[in-house]
């Protein structure tokens, strides 16, 4: 995912559209999915499995997101 536009309402009632990119877009998409009861795994291609958090623990590597080439 490269970018995401989210239409939302501010506390004062003003309608806004906020643009998110890269990792932040992925995070926001995840949270929006949660509001609708969807799991990230439902968006994964067949045969692709989530990477366990244990693989990242104490690895010294930050969590990264993969960028598409398109």
C-alpha atoms as a PDB file:
ATOM      1  CA  UNK A   1       0.000   0.000   0.000  1.00  0.00           C
ATOM      2  CA  UNK A   2       1.398   3.368  -0.961  1.00  0.00           C
ATOM      3  CA  UNK A   3      -1.293   5.841   0.073  1.00  0.00           C
ATOM      4  CA  UNK A   4      -4.689   6.181   1.657  1.00  0.00           C
ATOM      5  CA  UNK A   5      -7.162   9.062   1.856  1.00  0.00           C
ATOM      6  CA  UNK A   6      -9.546   9.073   4.821  1.00  0.00           C
ATOM      7  CA  UNK A   7     -12.612  11.284   4.992  1.00  0.00           C
ATOM      8  CA  UNK A   8     -13.495  12.128   8.589  1.00  0.00           C
ATOM      9  CA  UNK A   9     -15.248  14.653  10.783  1.00  0.00           C
ATOM     10  CA  UNK A  10     -13.382  16.892  13.200  1.00  0.00           C
ATOM     11  CA  UNK A  11     -14.781  17.449  16.724  1.00  0.00           C
ATOM     12  CA  UNK A  12     -16.099  20.844  15.574  1.00  0.00           C
ATOM     13  CA  UNK A  13     -18.134  19.158  12.808  1.00  0.00           C
ATOM     14  CA  UNK A  14     -15.851  20.160   9.924  1.00  0.00           C
ATOM     15  CA  UNK A  15     -15.448  17.490   7.222  1.00  0.00           C
ATOM     16  CA  UNK A  16     -11.848  16.784   6.231  1.00  0.00           C
ATOM     17  CA  UNK A  17      -9.826  14.428   4.075  1.00  0.00           C
ATOM     18  CA  UNK A  18      -6.440  13.385   5.438  1.00  0.00           C
ATOM     19  CA  UNK A  19      -3.822  11.637   3.276  1.00  0.00           C
ATOM     20  CA  UNK A  20      -1.523   8.978   4.721  1.00  0.00           C
ATOM     21  CA  UNK A  21       1.391   7.267   2.949  1.00  0.00           C
ATOM     22  CA  UNK A  22       3.553   4.178   3.339  1.00  0.00           C
ATOM     23  CA  UNK A  23       3.652   2.663   6.857  1.00  0.00           C
ATOM     24  CA  UNK A  24       1.269   5.242   8.286  1.00  0.00           C
ATOM     25  CA  UNK A  25      -1.279   4.406   5.555  1.00  0.00           C
ATOM     26  CA  UNK A  26      -0.978   0.742   6.417  1.00  0.00           C
ATOM     27  CA  UNK A  27      -1.510   1.466  10.099  1.00  0.00           C
ATOM     28  CA  UNK A  28      -4.575   3.651   9.459  1.00  0.00           C
ATOM     29  CA  UNK A  29      -6.037   1.050   7.072  1.00  0.00           C
ATOM     30  CA  UNK A  30      -5.589  -1.576   9.775  1.00  0.00           C
ATOM     31  CA  UNK A  31      -7.430   0.566  12.319  1.00  0.00           C
ATOM     32  CA  UNK A  32     -10.270   1.327   9.882  1.00  0.00           C
ATOM     33  CA  UNK A  33     -10.567  -2.397   9.154  1.00  0.00           C
ATOM     34  CA  UNK A  34     -10.862  -3.049  12.891  1.00  0.00           C
ATOM     35  CA  UNK A  35     -13.801  -0.631  13.079  1.00  0.00           C
ATOM     36  CA  UNK A  36     -15.580  -2.844  10.543  1.00  0.00           C
ATOM     37  CA  UNK A  37     -14.519  -6.128  12.154  1.00  0.00           C
ATOM     38  CA  UNK A  38     -12.116  -7.118   9.363  1.00  0.00           C
ATOM     39  CA  UNK A  39      -8.811  -8.871   9.985  1.00  0.00           C
ATOM     40  CA  UNK A  40      -5.591  -8.147   8.090  1.00  0.00           C
ATOM     41  CA  UNK A  41      -5.318 -11.825   7.240  1.00  0.00           C
ATOM     42  CA  UNK A  42      -8.521 -11.570   5.167  1.00  0.00           C
ATOM     43  CA  UNK A  43      -6.620  -9.260   2.770  1.00  0.00           C
ATOM     44  CA  UNK A  44      -3.646 -11.581   2.326  1.00  0.00           C
ATOM     45  CA  UNK A  45      -3.149 -13.491  -0.922  1.00  0.00           C
ATOM     46  CA  UNK A  46      -3.829 -17.240  -0.782  1.00  0.00           C
ATOM     47  CA  UNK A  47      -0.795 -19.138   0.463  1.00  0.00           C
ATOM     48  CA  UNK A  48       0.747 -16.094   2.192  1.00  0.00           C
ATOM     49  CA  UNK A  49       0.995 -16.314   5.971  1.00  0.00           C
ATOM     50  CA  UNK A  50       1.644 -13.605   8.574  1.00  0.00           C
ATOM     51  CA  UNK A  51       5.180 -13.387   9.951  1.00  0.00           C
ATOM     52  CA  UNK A  52       5.207 -14.212  13.679  1.00  0.00           C
ATOM     53  CA  UNK A  53       6.253 -11.375  15.981  1.00  0.00           C
ATOM     54  CA  UNK A  54       8.750 -13.760  17.577  1.00  0.00           C
ATOM     55  CA  UNK A  55      10.848 -13.570  14.392  1.00  0.00           C
ATOM     56  CA  UNK A  56      11.404  -9.851  15.038  1.00  0.00           C
ATOM     57  CA  UNK A  57      12.068  -9.973  18.776  1.00  0.00           C
ATOM     58  CA  UNK A  58      15.682  -9.273  19.689  1.00  0.00           C
ATOM     59  CA  UNK A  59      16.651  -9.319  16.017  1.00  0.00           C
ATOM     60  CA  UNK A  60      17.949  -5.752  16.107  1.00  0.00           C
ATOM     61  CA  UNK A  61      15.845  -5.013  13.026  1.00  0.00           C
ATOM     62  CA  UNK A  62      13.026  -2.456  13.008  1.00  0.00           C
ATOM     63  CA  UNK A  63       9.589  -3.472  11.793  1.00  0.00           C
ATOM     64  CA  UNK A  64       9.377  -2.557   8.116  1.00  0.00           C
ATOM     65  CA  UNK A  65       6.736  -2.459   5.444  1.00  0.00           C
ATOM     66  CA  UNK A  66       7.279  -3.704   1.937  1.00  0.00           C
ATOM     67  CA  UNK A  67       6.781  -1.234  -0.873  1.00  0.00           C
ATOM     68  CA  UNK A  68       5.228  -2.305  -4.124  1.00  0.00           C
ATOM     69  CA  UNK A  69       7.141  -1.564  -7.285  1.00  0.00           C
ATOM     70  CA  UNK A  70       4.108   0.068  -8.895  1.00  0.00           C
END
